[in-house]
C-alpha cells in the first residue's frame, strides 16, 4: 500500500505542508518495500485547479491513503472516485504522521472546504 502526505521539502525530516494542492512535494511511503519517495507537485504553481491536478498525480502514483491537514471539495471528489482514503494529519513531521496512521493514531479527514479558486492557496 502507498501512503501520500503533502510536505515542504524532499527530506525525511520535513514537516507536513499546510496545503494539499499547493504543497511543493508529496512524501510517498510504500508499506511493502518500507521505502519513502518524493514526488514533485507540478500543480503547486498552477493558476487554478491545483487541488484537482495534485489529486490526479496522487491517483497516478497508485496511492491508497492520503494524510493531509485539509482538502478542497473538488480535489476530494477526485480522491474519493479513486477510492483513496483521507486522514487528518497532525502538526509535525511527515514521517511521524505516517507512523501515526500505521498505528491507528489518525482520524478520517472530515473537514472538506470549498476550495480557494484562484486565490493562490491563501
PDB file of N, CA and C in Angstrom:
ATOM      1  N   UNK A   1       0.846  -1.180   0.000  1.00  0.00           N
ATOM      2  CA  UNK A   1       0.000   0.000   0.000  1.00  0.00           C
ATOM      3  C   UNK A   1       0.886   1.237   0.000  1.00  0.00           C
ATOM      4  N   UNK A   2       0.438   2.264  -0.718  1.00  0.00           N
ATOM      5  CA  UNK A   2       1.166   3.536  -0.739  1.00  0.00           C
ATOM      6  C   UNK A   2       0.377   4.596   0.011  1.00  0.00           C
ATOM      7  N   UNK A   3       1.113   5.367   0.810  1.00  0.00           N
ATOM      8  CA  UNK A   3       0.557   6.457   1.611  1.00  0.00           C
ATOM      9  C   UNK A   3       1.220   7.746   1.169  1.00  0.00           C
ATOM     10  N   UNK A   4       0.424   8.783   0.908  1.00  0.00           N
ATOM     11  CA  UNK A   4       0.970  10.077   0.488  1.00  0.00           C
ATOM     12  C   UNK A   4       0.646  11.149   1.528  1.00  0.00           C
ATOM     13  N   UNK A   5       1.555  12.103   1.624  1.00  0.00           N
ATOM     14  CA  UNK A   5       1.364  13.230   2.537  1.00  0.00           C
ATOM     15  C   UNK A   5       2.047  14.467   1.938  1.00  0.00           C
ATOM     16  N   UNK A   6       1.355  15.625   1.913  1.00  0.00           N
ATOM     17  CA  UNK A   6       1.989  16.837   1.382  1.00  0.00           C
ATOM     18  C   UNK A   6       3.062  17.340   2.349  1.00  0.00           C
ATOM     19  N   UNK A   7       4.243  17.633   1.794  1.00  0.00           N
ATOM     20  CA  UNK A   7       5.352  18.073   2.640  1.00  0.00           C
ATOM     21  C   UNK A   7       6.049  19.296   2.042  1.00  0.00           C
ATOM     22  N   UNK A   8       6.838  19.951   2.881  1.00  0.00           N
ATOM     23  CA  UNK A   8       7.509  21.188   2.498  1.00  0.00           C
ATOM     24  C   UNK A   8       8.847  20.987   1.789  1.00  0.00           C
ATOM     25  N   UNK A   9       9.521  19.854   2.047  1.00  0.00           N
ATOM     26  CA  UNK A   9      10.847  19.614   1.471  1.00  0.00           C
ATOM     27  C   UNK A   9      11.004  18.145   1.103  1.00  0.00           C
ATOM     28  N   UNK A  10      11.995  17.857   0.269  1.00  0.00           N
ATOM     29  CA  UNK A  10      12.340  16.470  -0.072  1.00  0.00           C
ATOM     30  C   UNK A  10      13.324  15.958   0.966  1.00  0.00           C
ATOM     31  N   UNK A  11      12.823  15.659   2.139  1.00  0.00           N
ATOM     32  CA  UNK A  11      13.669  15.252   3.250  1.00  0.00           C
ATOM     33  C   UNK A  11      12.820  14.445   4.221  1.00  0.00           C
ATOM     34  N   UNK A  12      13.381  13.386   4.782  1.00  0.00           N
ATOM     35  CA  UNK A  12      12.611  12.577   5.729  1.00  0.00           C
ATOM     36  C   UNK A  12      12.214  13.349   6.978  1.00  0.00           C
ATOM     37  N   UNK A  13      12.942  14.414   7.298  1.00  0.00           N
ATOM     38  CA  UNK A  13      12.623  15.208   8.477  1.00  0.00           C
ATOM     39  C   UNK A  13      11.854  16.478   8.127  1.00  0.00           C
ATOM     40  N   UNK A  14      11.112  16.445   7.044  1.00  0.00           N
ATOM     41  CA  UNK A  14      10.331  17.596   6.623  1.00  0.00           C
ATOM     42  C   UNK A  14       8.976  17.621   7.326  1.00  0.00           C
ATOM     43  N   UNK A  15       8.426  18.821   7.406  1.00  0.00           N
ATOM     44  CA  UNK A  15       7.120  18.996   8.037  1.00  0.00           C
ATOM     45  C   UNK A  15       5.991  18.825   7.025  1.00  0.00           C
ATOM     46  N   UNK A  16       4.825  18.529   7.572  1.00  0.00           N
ATOM     47  CA  UNK A  16       3.620  18.436   6.754  1.00  0.00           C
ATOM     48  C   UNK A  16       3.297  19.836   6.238  1.00  0.00           C
ATOM     49  N   UNK A  17       3.021  19.959   4.953  1.00  0.00           N
ATOM     50  CA  UNK A  17       2.643  21.243   4.366  1.00  0.00           C
ATOM     51  C   UNK A  17       1.192  21.547   4.734  1.00  0.00           C
ATOM     52  N   UNK A  18       0.892  22.806   5.003  1.00  0.00           N
ATOM     53  CA  UNK A  18      -0.464  23.200   5.392  1.00  0.00           C
ATOM     54  C   UNK A  18      -1.455  23.121   4.235  1.00  0.00           C
ATOM     55  N   UNK A  19      -0.950  23.043   3.012  1.00  0.00           N
ATOM     56  CA  UNK A  19      -1.804  22.990   1.832  1.00  0.00           C
ATOM     57  C   UNK A  19      -1.615  21.659   1.118  1.00  0.00           C
ATOM     58  N   UNK A  20      -2.697  21.094   0.629  1.00  0.00           N
ATOM     59  CA  UNK A  20      -2.606  19.875  -0.166  1.00  0.00           C
ATOM     60  C   UNK A  20      -2.243  20.215  -1.613  1.00  0.00           C
ATOM     61  N   UNK A  21      -3.086  20.963  -2.289  1.00  0.00           N
ATOM     62  CA  UNK A  21      -2.911  21.242  -3.706  1.00  0.00           C
ATOM     63  C   UNK A  21      -1.677  22.042  -4.039  1.00  0.00           C
ATOM     64  N   UNK A  22      -1.226  22.886  -3.121  1.00  0.00           N
ATOM     65  CA  UNK A  22      -0.073  23.751  -3.384  1.00  0.00           C
ATOM     66  C   UNK A  22       1.176  23.329  -2.609  1.00  0.00           C
ATOM     67  N   UNK A  23       1.150  22.125  -2.069  1.00  0.00           N
ATOM     68  CA  UNK A  23       2.361  21.601  -1.417  1.00  0.00           C
ATOM     69  C   UNK A  23       3.455  21.449  -2.464  1.00  0.00           C
ATOM     70  N   UNK A  24       4.689  21.781  -2.135  1.00  0.00           N
ATOM     71  CA  UNK A  24       5.757  21.637  -3.122  1.00  0.00           C
ATOM     72  C   UNK A  24       6.062  20.177  -3.478  1.00  0.00           C
ATOM     73  N   UNK A  25       5.847  19.281  -2.506  1.00  0.00           N
ATOM     74  CA  UNK A  25       6.182  17.871  -2.702  1.00  0.00           C
ATOM     75  C   UNK A  25       5.163  16.982  -1.992  1.00  0.00           C
ATOM     76  N   UNK A  26       5.145  15.731  -2.398  1.00  0.00           N
ATOM     77  CA  UNK A  26       4.402  14.699  -1.676  1.00  0.00           C
ATOM     78  C   UNK A  26       5.394  13.629  -1.256  1.00  0.00           C
ATOM     79  N   UNK A  27       5.362  13.286   0.022  1.00  0.00           N
ATOM     80  CA  UNK A  27       6.133  12.168   0.535  1.00  0.00           C
ATOM     81  C   UNK A  27       5.257  10.932   0.327  1.00  0.00           C
ATOM     82  N   UNK A  28       5.824   9.914  -0.285  1.00  0.00           N
ATOM     83  CA  UNK A  28       5.063   8.691  -0.524  1.00  0.00           C
ATOM     84  C   UNK A  28       5.788   7.541   0.163  1.00  0.00           C
ATOM     85  N   UNK A  29       5.040   6.855   1.028  1.00  0.00           N
ATOM     86  CA  UNK A  29       5.596   5.718   1.756  1.00  0.00           C
ATOM     87  C   UNK A  29       4.954   4.445   1.241  1.00  0.00           C
ATOM     88  N   UNK A  30       5.777   3.481   0.894  1.00  0.00           N
ATOM     89  CA  UNK A  30       5.311   2.189   0.408  1.00  0.00           C
ATOM     90  C   UNK A  30       5.430   1.188   1.556  1.00  0.00           C
ATOM     91  N   UNK A  31       4.292   0.685   2.031  1.00  0.00           N
ATOM     92  CA  UNK A  31       4.304  -0.220   3.183  1.00  0.00           C
ATOM     93  C   UNK A  31       4.908  -1.584   2.843  1.00  0.00           C
ATOM     94  N   UNK A  32       4.951  -1.935   1.567  1.00  0.00           N
ATOM     95  CA  UNK A  32       5.523  -3.215   1.163  1.00  0.00           C
ATOM     96  C   UNK A  32       7.056  -3.161   1.188  1.00  0.00           C
ATOM     97  N   UNK A  33       7.617  -2.133   0.553  1.00  0.00           N
ATOM     98  CA  UNK A  33       9.082  -2.008   0.496  1.00  0.00           C
ATOM     99  C   UNK A  33       9.654  -1.270   1.708  1.00  0.00           C
ATOM    100  N   UNK A  34       8.784  -0.604   2.479  1.00  0.00           N
ATOM    101  CA  UNK A  34       9.192   0.211   3.641  1.00  0.00           C
ATOM    102  C   UNK A  34      10.096   1.374   3.210  1.00  0.00           C
ATOM    103  N   UNK A  35       9.876   1.862   1.982  1.00  0.00           N
ATOM    104  CA  UNK A  35      10.690   2.938   1.427  1.00  0.00           C
ATOM    105  C   UNK A  35       9.873   4.222   1.274  1.00  0.00           C
ATOM    106  N   UNK A  36      10.564   5.347   1.475  1.00  0.00           N
ATOM    107  CA  UNK A  36       9.979   6.668   1.229  1.00  0.00           C
ATOM    108  C   UNK A  36      10.471   7.173  -0.115  1.00  0.00           C
ATOM    109  N   UNK A  37       9.605   7.873  -0.815  1.00  0.00           N
ATOM    110  CA  UNK A  37       9.971   8.519  -2.067  1.00  0.00           C
ATOM    111  C   UNK A  37       9.325   9.899  -2.067  1.00  0.00           C
ATOM    112  N   UNK A  38       9.776  10.773  -2.921  1.00  0.00           N
ATOM    113  CA  UNK A  38       9.215  12.114  -3.005  1.00  0.00           C
ATOM    114  C   UNK A  38       8.771  12.411  -4.420  1.00  0.00           C
ATOM    115  N   UNK A  39       7.626  13.036  -4.537  1.00  0.00           N
ATOM    116  CA  UNK A  39       7.047  13.407  -5.818  1.00  0.00           C
ATOM    117  C   UNK A  39       6.941  14.920  -5.881  1.00  0.00           C
ATOM    118  N   UNK A  40       7.518  15.522  -6.917  1.00  0.00           N
ATOM    119  CA  UNK A  40       7.347  16.960  -7.130  1.00  0.00           C
ATOM    120  C   UNK A  40       5.883  17.214  -7.463  1.00  0.00           C
ATOM    121  N   UNK A  41       5.299  18.223  -6.861  1.00  0.00           N
ATOM    122  CA  UNK A  41       3.909  18.578  -7.142  1.00  0.00           C
ATOM    123  C   UNK A  41       3.897  19.669  -8.211  1.00  0.00           C
ATOM    124  N   UNK A  42       3.749  19.262  -9.449  1.00  0.00           N
ATOM    125  CA  UNK A  42       3.733  20.227 -10.552  1.00  0.00           C
ATOM    126  C   UNK A  42       2.505  21.133 -10.491  1.00  0.00           C
ATOM    127  N   UNK A  43       1.489  20.744  -9.746  1.00  0.00           N
ATOM    128  CA  UNK A  43       0.269  21.543  -9.627  1.00  0.00           C
ATOM    129  C   UNK A  43       0.460  22.762  -8.721  1.00  0.00           C
ATOM    130  N   UNK A  44       1.516  22.777  -7.925  1.00  0.00           N
ATOM    131  CA  UNK A  44       1.719  23.855  -6.950  1.00  0.00           C
ATOM    132  C   UNK A  44       1.750  25.242  -7.585  1.00  0.00           C
ATOM    133  N   UNK A  45       2.253  25.332  -8.803  1.00  0.00           N
ATOM    134  CA  UNK A  45       2.373  26.634  -9.474  1.00  0.00           C
ATOM    135  C   UNK A  45       1.191  26.946 -10.387  1.00  0.00           C
ATOM    136  N   UNK A  46       0.190  26.094 -10.395  1.00  0.00           N
ATOM    137  CA  UNK A  46      -0.969  26.302 -11.269  1.00  0.00           C
ATOM    138  C   UNK A  46      -1.739  27.550 -10.872  1.00  0.00           C
ATOM    139  N   UNK A  47      -2.270  28.234 -11.872  1.00  0.00           N
ATOM    140  CA  UNK A  47      -3.066  29.427 -11.577  1.00  0.00           C
ATOM    141  C   UNK A  47      -4.446  29.045 -11.045  1.00  0.00           C
ATOM    142  N   UNK A  48      -4.866  27.838 -11.290  1.00  0.00           N
ATOM    143  CA  UNK A  48      -6.148  27.357 -10.773  1.00  0.00           C
ATOM    144  C   UNK A  48      -6.213  25.858 -10.882  1.00  0.00           C
ATOM    145  N   UNK A  49      -7.083  25.238 -10.114  1.00  0.00           N
ATOM    146  CA  UNK A  49      -7.262  23.802 -10.168  1.00  0.00           C
ATOM    147  C   UNK A  49      -6.119  22.995  -9.586  1.00  0.00           C
ATOM    148  N   UNK A  50      -5.331  23.605  -8.693  1.00  0.00           N
ATOM    149  CA  UNK A  50      -4.166  22.910  -8.131  1.00  0.00           C
ATOM    150  C   UNK A  50      -4.570  21.644  -7.384  1.00  0.00           C
ATOM    151  N   UNK A  51      -5.647  21.707  -6.630  1.00  0.00           N
ATOM    152  CA  UNK A  51      -6.083  20.543  -5.860  1.00  0.00           C
ATOM    153  C   UNK A  51      -6.476  19.374  -6.739  1.00  0.00           C
ATOM    154  N   UNK A  52      -7.176  19.668  -7.824  1.00  0.00           N
ATOM    155  CA  UNK A  52      -7.603  18.621  -8.751  1.00  0.00           C
ATOM    156  C   UNK A  52      -6.376  17.993  -9.417  1.00  0.00           C
ATOM    157  N   UNK A  53      -5.438  18.836  -9.862  1.00  0.00           N
ATOM    158  CA  UNK A  53      -4.231  18.340 -10.524  1.00  0.00           C
ATOM    159  C   UNK A  53      -3.368  17.534  -9.546  1.00  0.00           C
ATOM    160  N   UNK A  54      -3.241  18.012  -8.318  1.00  0.00           N
ATOM    161  CA  UNK A  54      -2.471  17.288  -7.301  1.00  0.00           C
ATOM    162  C   UNK A  54      -3.130  15.940  -7.007  1.00  0.00           C
ATOM    163  N   UNK A  55      -4.456  15.936  -6.938  1.00  0.00           N
ATOM    164  CA  UNK A  55      -5.183  14.688  -6.691  1.00  0.00           C
ATOM    165  C   UNK A  55      -4.918  13.676  -7.786  1.00  0.00           C
ATOM    166  N   UNK A  56      -4.936  14.138  -9.028  1.00  0.00           N
ATOM    167  CA  UNK A  56      -4.694  13.222 -10.141  1.00  0.00           C
ATOM    168  C   UNK A  56      -3.283  12.665 -10.088  1.00  0.00           C
ATOM    169  N   UNK A  57      -2.317  13.473  -9.664  1.00  0.00           N
ATOM    170  CA  UNK A  57      -0.941  12.987  -9.515  1.00  0.00           C
ATOM    171  C   UNK A  57      -0.865  11.873  -8.476  1.00  0.00           C
ATOM    172  N   UNK A  58      -1.603  12.061  -7.382  1.00  0.00           N
ATOM    173  CA  UNK A  58      -1.646  11.058  -6.316  1.00  0.00           C
ATOM    174  C   UNK A  58      -2.278   9.765  -6.845  1.00  0.00           C
ATOM    175  N   UNK A  59      -3.379   9.913  -7.573  1.00  0.00           N
ATOM    176  CA  UNK A  59      -4.053   8.751  -8.171  1.00  0.00           C
ATOM    177  C   UNK A  59      -3.088   8.009  -9.098  1.00  0.00           C
ATOM    178  N   UNK A  60      -2.371   8.752  -9.934  1.00  0.00           N
ATOM    179  CA  UNK A  60      -1.448   8.156 -10.896  1.00  0.00           C
ATOM    180  C   UNK A  60      -0.300   7.388 -10.234  1.00  0.00           C
ATOM    181  N   UNK A  61       0.010   7.723  -8.986  1.00  0.00           N
ATOM    182  CA  UNK A  61       1.075   7.041  -8.247  1.00  0.00           C
ATOM    183  C   UNK A  61       0.593   5.750  -7.586  1.00  0.00           C
ATOM    184  N   UNK A  62      -0.705   5.481  -7.666  1.00  0.00           N
ATOM    185  CA  UNK A  62      -1.249   4.268  -7.048  1.00  0.00           C
ATOM    186  C   UNK A  62      -1.407   4.371  -5.547  1.00  0.00           C
ATOM    187  N   UNK A  63      -1.550   5.591  -5.050  1.00  0.00           N
ATOM    188  CA  UNK A  63      -1.712   5.830  -3.619  1.00  0.00           C
ATOM    189  C   UNK A  63      -3.092   5.346  -3.164  1.00  0.00           C
ATOM    190  N   UNK A  64      -3.144   4.766  -1.975  1.00  0.00           N
ATOM    191  CA  UNK A  64      -4.407   4.303  -1.398  1.00  0.00           C
ATOM    192  C   UNK A  64      -4.851   5.133  -0.203  1.00  0.00           C
ATOM    193  N   UNK A  65      -3.904   5.855   0.424  1.00  0.00           N
ATOM    194  CA  UNK A  65      -4.203   6.664   1.608  1.00  0.00           C
ATOM    195  C   UNK A  65      -3.516   8.019   1.463  1.00  0.00           C
ATOM    196  N   UNK A  66      -4.271   9.082   1.745  1.00  0.00           N
ATOM    197  CA  UNK A  66      -3.721  10.430   1.783  1.00  0.00           C
ATOM    198  C   UNK A  66      -3.879  10.968   3.196  1.00  0.00           C
ATOM    199  N   UNK A  67      -2.778  11.492   3.735  1.00  0.00           N
ATOM    200  CA  UNK A  67      -2.782  12.146   5.043  1.00  0.00           C
ATOM    201  C   UNK A  67      -2.546  13.619   4.773  1.00  0.00           C
ATOM    202  N   UNK A  68      -3.482  14.476   5.169  1.00  0.00           N
ATOM    203  CA  UNK A  68      -3.375  15.901   4.843  1.00  0.00           C
ATOM    204  C   UNK A  68      -4.099  16.742   5.896  1.00  0.00           C
ATOM    205  N   UNK A  69      -3.663  18.002   6.081  1.00  0.00           N
ATOM    206  CA  UNK A  69      -4.356  18.854   7.052  1.00  0.00           C
ATOM    207  C   UNK A  69      -5.718  19.328   6.563  1.00  0.00           C
ATOM    208  N   UNK A  70      -5.868  19.453   5.224  1.00  0.00           N
ATOM    209  CA  UNK A  70      -7.134  19.922   4.664  1.00  0.00           C
ATOM    210  C   UNK A  70      -7.181  19.564   3.188  1.00  0.00           C
ATOM    211  N   UNK A  71      -8.396  19.652   2.631  1.00  0.00           N
ATOM    212  CA  UNK A  71      -8.575  19.296   1.229  1.00  0.00           C
ATOM    213  C   UNK A  71      -9.811  20.007   0.706  1.00  0.00           C
ATOM    214  N   UNK A  72      -9.722  20.518  -0.503  1.00  0.00           N
ATOM    215  CA  UNK A  72     -10.861  21.162  -1.149  1.00  0.00           C
ATOM    216  C   UNK A  72     -11.825  20.117  -1.697  1.00  0.00           C
ATOM    217  N   UNK A  73     -13.081  20.537  -1.883  1.00  0.00           N
ATOM    218  CA  UNK A  73     -14.101  19.569  -2.294  1.00  0.00           C
ATOM    219  C   UNK A  73     -13.859  18.997  -3.688  1.00  0.00           C
ATOM    220  N   UNK A  74     -13.359  19.773  -4.627  1.00  0.00           N
ATOM    221  CA  UNK A  74     -13.097  19.239  -5.969  1.00  0.00           C
ATOM    222  C   UNK A  74     -11.977  18.207  -5.935  1.00  0.00           C
ATOM    223  N   UNK A  75     -10.933  18.499  -5.183  1.00  0.00           N
ATOM    224  CA  UNK A  75      -9.837  17.542  -5.028  1.00  0.00           C
ATOM    225  C   UNK A  75     -10.337  16.284  -4.320  1.00  0.00           C
ATOM    226  N   UNK A  76     -11.141  16.466  -3.285  1.00  0.00           N
ATOM    227  CA  UNK A  76     -11.686  15.330  -2.535  1.00  0.00           C
ATOM    228  C   UNK A  76     -12.548  14.447  -3.430  1.00  0.00           C
ATOM    229  N   UNK A  77     -13.287  15.048  -4.346  1.00  0.00           N
ATOM    230  CA  UNK A  77     -14.116  14.264  -5.271  1.00  0.00           C
ATOM    231  C   UNK A  77     -13.258  13.345  -6.138  1.00  0.00           C
ATOM    232  N   UNK A  78     -12.116  13.869  -6.617  1.00  0.00           N
ATOM    233  CA  UNK A  78     -11.201  13.064  -7.436  1.00  0.00           C
ATOM    234  C   UNK A  78     -10.648  11.904  -6.601  1.00  0.00           C
ATOM    235  N   UNK A  79     -10.246  12.211  -5.380  1.00  0.00           N
ATOM    236  CA  UNK A  79      -9.669  11.191  -4.495  1.00  0.00           C
ATOM    237  C   UNK A  79     -10.704  10.125  -4.128  1.00  0.00           C
ATOM    238  N   UNK A  80     -11.914  10.561  -3.817  1.00  0.00           N
ATOM    239  CA  UNK A  80     -12.974   9.610  -3.468  1.00  0.00           C
ATOM    240  C   UNK A  80     -13.316   8.710  -4.645  1.00  0.00           C
ATOM    241  N   UNK A  81     -13.339   9.265  -5.853  1.00  0.00           N
ATOM    242  CA  UNK A  81     -13.647   8.477  -7.046  1.00  0.00           C
ATOM    243  C   UNK A  81     -12.601   7.383  -7.266  1.00  0.00           C
ATOM    244  N   UNK A  82     -11.376   7.615  -6.801  1.00  0.00           N
ATOM    245  CA  UNK A  82     -10.297   6.640  -6.927  1.00  0.00           C
ATOM    246  C   UNK A  82     -10.189   5.756  -5.676  1.00  0.00           C
ATOM    247  N   UNK A  83     -11.154   5.864  -4.771  1.00  0.00           N
ATOM    248  CA  UNK A  83     -11.174   5.075  -3.525  1.00  0.00           C
ATOM    249  C   UNK A  83      -9.950   5.314  -2.645  1.00  0.00           C
ATOM    250  N   UNK A  84      -9.439   6.545  -2.653  1.00  0.00           N
ATOM    251  CA  UNK A  84      -8.326   6.899  -1.777  1.00  0.00           C
ATOM    252  C   UNK A  84      -8.908   7.387  -0.453  1.00  0.00           C
ATOM    253  N   UNK A  85      -8.464   6.767   0.628  1.00  0.00           N
ATOM    254  CA  UNK A  85      -8.912   7.157   1.962  1.00  0.00           C
ATOM    255  C   UNK A  85      -8.138   8.387   2.410  1.00  0.00           C
ATOM    256  N   UNK A  86      -8.835   9.318   3.069  1.00  0.00           N
ATOM    257  CA  UNK A  86      -8.198  10.553   3.532  1.00  0.00           C
ATOM    258  C   UNK A  86      -8.215  10.618   5.048  1.00  0.00           C
ATOM    259  N   UNK A  87      -7.068  10.996   5.620  1.00  0.00           N
ATOM    260  CA  UNK A  87      -6.928  11.112   7.068  1.00  0.00           C
ATOM    261  C   UNK A  87      -6.377  12.485   7.432  1.00  0.00           C
ATOM    262  N   UNK A  88      -6.775  12.966   8.594  1.00  0.00           N
ATOM    263  CA  UNK A  88      -6.369  14.272   9.121  1.00  0.00           C
ATOM    264  C   UNK A  88      -4.961  14.185   9.688  1.00  0.00           C
ATOM    265  N   UNK A  89      -4.049  14.968   9.123  1.00  0.00           N
ATOM    266  CA  UNK A  89      -2.680  14.986   9.641  1.00  0.00           C
ATOM    267  C   UNK A  89      -2.627  15.755  10.951  1.00  0.00           C
ATOM    268  N   UNK A  90      -1.548  15.525  11.669  1.00  0.00           N
ATOM    269  CA  UNK A  90      -1.249  16.295  12.873  1.00  0.00           C
ATOM    270  C   UNK A  90      -0.034  17.150  12.567  1.00  0.00           C
ATOM    271  N   UNK A  91       0.082  18.261  13.256  1.00  0.00           N
ATOM    272  CA  UNK A  91       1.217  19.153  13.050  1.00  0.00           C
ATOM    273  C   UNK A  91       2.507  18.402  13.373  1.00  0.00           C
ATOM    274  N   UNK A  92       3.505  18.577  12.519  1.00  0.00           N
ATOM    275  CA  UNK A  92       4.778  17.907  12.765  1.00  0.00           C
ATOM    276  C   UNK A  92       5.366  17.338  11.497  1.00  0.00           C
ATOM    277  N   UNK A  93       6.156  16.304  11.662  1.00  0.00           N
ATOM    278  CA  UNK A  93       6.880  15.703  10.548  1.00  0.00           C
ATOM    279  C   UNK A  93       5.993  14.758   9.742  1.00  0.00           C
ATOM    280  N   UNK A  94       6.273  14.697   8.441  1.00  0.00           N
ATOM    281  CA  UNK A  94       5.540  13.795   7.572  1.00  0.00           C
ATOM    282  C   UNK A  94       5.693  12.348   7.994  1.00  0.00           C
ATOM    283  N   UNK A  95       6.934  11.927   8.267  1.00  0.00           N
ATOM    284  CA  UNK A  95       7.174  10.530   8.627  1.00  0.00           C
ATOM    285  C   UNK A  95       6.490  10.167   9.949  1.00  0.00           C
ATOM    286  N   UNK A  96       6.359  11.126  10.864  1.00  0.00           N
ATOM    287  CA  UNK A  96       5.658  10.860  12.127  1.00  0.00           C
ATOM    288  C   UNK A  96       4.170  10.643  11.883  1.00  0.00           C
ATOM    289  N   UNK A  97       3.615  11.367  10.927  1.00  0.00           N
ATOM    290  CA  UNK A  97       2.205  11.181  10.582  1.00  0.00           C
ATOM    291  C   UNK A  97       1.977   9.825   9.930  1.00  0.00           C
ATOM    292  N   UNK A  98       2.918   9.373   9.126  1.00  0.00           N
ATOM    293  CA  UNK A  98       2.814   8.040   8.542  1.00  0.00           C
ATOM    294  C   UNK A  98       2.798   6.999   9.662  1.00  0.00           C
ATOM    295  N   UNK A  99       3.708   7.138  10.622  1.00  0.00           N
ATOM    296  CA  UNK A  99       3.759   6.202  11.757  1.00  0.00           C
ATOM    297  C   UNK A  99       2.459   6.237  12.557  1.00  0.00           C
ATOM    298  N   UNK A 100       1.901   7.433  12.759  1.00  0.00           N
ATOM    299  CA  UNK A 100       0.629   7.541  13.468  1.00  0.00           C
ATOM    300  C   UNK A 100      -0.473   6.801  12.722  1.00  0.00           C
ATOM    301  N   UNK A 101      -0.522   6.980  11.410  1.00  0.00           N
ATOM    302  CA  UNK A 101      -1.532   6.287  10.613  1.00  0.00           C
ATOM    303  C   UNK A 101      -1.378   4.770  10.759  1.00  0.00           C
ATOM    304  N   UNK A 102      -0.163   4.279  10.643  1.00  0.00           N
ATOM    305  CA  UNK A 102       0.085   2.840  10.713  1.00  0.00           C
ATOM    306  C   UNK A 102      -0.275   2.257  12.070  1.00  0.00           C
ATOM    307  N   UNK A 103      -0.327   3.107  13.097  1.00  0.00           N
ATOM    308  CA  UNK A 103      -0.692   2.669  14.448  1.00  0.00           C
ATOM    309  C   UNK A 103      -2.090   3.135  14.838  1.00  0.00           C
ATOM    310  N   UNK A 104      -2.929   3.406  13.834  1.00  0.00           N
ATOM    311  CA  UNK A 104      -4.318   3.839  14.051  1.00  0.00           C
ATOM    312  C   UNK A 104      -4.418   5.103  14.899  1.00  0.00           C
ATOM    313  N   UNK A 105      -3.457   6.026  14.717  1.00  0.00           N
ATOM    314  CA  UNK A 105      -3.425   7.245  15.513  1.00  0.00           C
ATOM    315  C   UNK A 105      -3.974   8.483  14.819  1.00  0.00           C
ATOM    316  N   UNK A 106      -4.570   8.326  13.630  1.00  0.00           N
ATOM    317  CA  UNK A 106      -5.134   9.469  12.914  1.00  0.00           C
ATOM    318  C   UNK A 106      -6.625   9.244  12.668  1.00  0.00           C
ATOM    319  N   UNK A 107      -7.353  10.341  12.592  1.00  0.00           N
ATOM    320  CA  UNK A 107      -8.791  10.297  12.330  1.00  0.00           C
ATOM    321  C   UNK A 107      -9.059  10.536  10.845  1.00  0.00           C
ATOM    322  N   UNK A 108     -10.153   9.981  10.349  1.00  0.00           N
ATOM    323  CA  UNK A 108     -10.530  10.280   8.959  1.00  0.00           C
ATOM    324  C   UNK A 108     -10.715  11.780   8.772  1.00  0.00           C
ATOM    325  N   UNK A 109     -10.334  12.282   7.605  1.00  0.00           N
ATOM    326  CA  UNK A 109     -10.487  13.706   7.289  1.00  0.00           C
ATOM    327  C   UNK A 109     -11.962  13.981   7.035  1.00  0.00           C
ATOM    328  N   UNK A 110     -12.529  14.868   7.820  1.00  0.00           N
ATOM    329  CA  UNK A 110     -13.945  15.189   7.647  1.00  0.00           C
ATOM    330  C   UNK A 110     -14.162  16.625   7.183  1.00  0.00           C
ATOM    331  N   UNK A 111     -13.191  17.487   7.426  1.00  0.00           N
ATOM    332  CA  UNK A 111     -13.337  18.899   7.056  1.00  0.00           C
ATOM    333  C   UNK A 111     -12.875  19.111   5.617  1.00  0.00           C
ATOM    334  N   UNK A 112     -13.824  19.103   4.705  1.00  0.00           N
ATOM    335  CA  UNK A 112     -13.539  19.368   3.306  1.00  0.00           C
ATOM    336  C   UNK A 112     -14.039  20.787   3.019  1.00  0.00           C
ATOM    337  N   UNK A 113     -13.147  21.670   2.573  1.00  0.00           N
ATOM    338  CA  UNK A 113     -13.557  23.058   2.336  1.00  0.00           C
ATOM    339  C   UNK A 113     -13.933  23.265   0.870  1.00  0.00           C
ATOM    340  N   UNK A 114     -14.520  24.399   0.570  1.00  0.00           N
ATOM    341  CA  UNK A 114     -14.983  24.687  -0.785  1.00  0.00           C
ATOM    342  C   UNK A 114     -13.848  24.891  -1.773  1.00  0.00           C
ATOM    343  N   UNK A 115     -12.673  25.165  -1.296  1.00  0.00           N
ATOM    344  CA  UNK A 115     -11.549  25.432  -2.188  1.00  0.00           C
ATOM    345  C   UNK A 115     -11.284  26.917  -2.244  1.00  0.00           C
ATOM    346  N   UNK A 116     -10.149  27.263  -2.810  1.00  0.00           N
ATOM    347  CA  UNK A 116      -9.746  28.665  -2.811  1.00  0.00           C
ATOM    348  C   UNK A 116      -9.873  29.322  -4.180  1.00  0.00           C
ATOM    349  N   UNK A 117     -10.094  28.545  -5.212  1.00  0.00           N
ATOM    350  CA  UNK A 117     -10.386  29.043  -6.555  1.00  0.00           C
ATOM    351  C   UNK A 117      -9.636  30.307  -6.950  1.00  0.00           C
ATOM    352  N   UNK A 118      -8.423  30.102  -7.428  1.00  0.00           N
ATOM    353  CA  UNK A 118      -7.569  31.174  -7.952  1.00  0.00           C
ATOM    354  C   UNK A 118      -7.089  32.182  -6.916  1.00  0.00           C
ATOM    355  N   UNK A 119      -7.007  31.752  -5.676  1.00  0.00           N
ATOM    356  CA  UNK A 119      -6.511  32.651  -4.635  1.00  0.00           C
ATOM    357  C   UNK A 119      -5.140  32.238  -4.131  1.00  0.00           C
ATOM    358  N   UNK A 120      -4.474  31.383  -4.870  1.00  0.00           N
ATOM    359  CA  UNK A 120      -3.103  31.012  -4.527  1.00  0.00           C
ATOM    360  C   UNK A 120      -2.957  30.280  -3.214  1.00  0.00           C
ATOM    361  N   UNK A 121      -4.002  29.596  -2.744  1.00  0.00           N
ATOM    362  CA  UNK A 121      -3.918  28.801  -1.529  1.00  0.00           C
ATOM    363  C   UNK A 121      -3.952  29.602  -0.258  1.00  0.00           C
ATOM    364  N   UNK A 122      -4.437  30.822  -0.319  1.00  0.00           N
ATOM    365  CA  UNK A 122      -4.486  31.654   0.891  1.00  0.00           C
ATOM    366  C   UNK A 122      -5.816  31.499   1.589  1.00  0.00           C
TER     367      UNK A 122
END
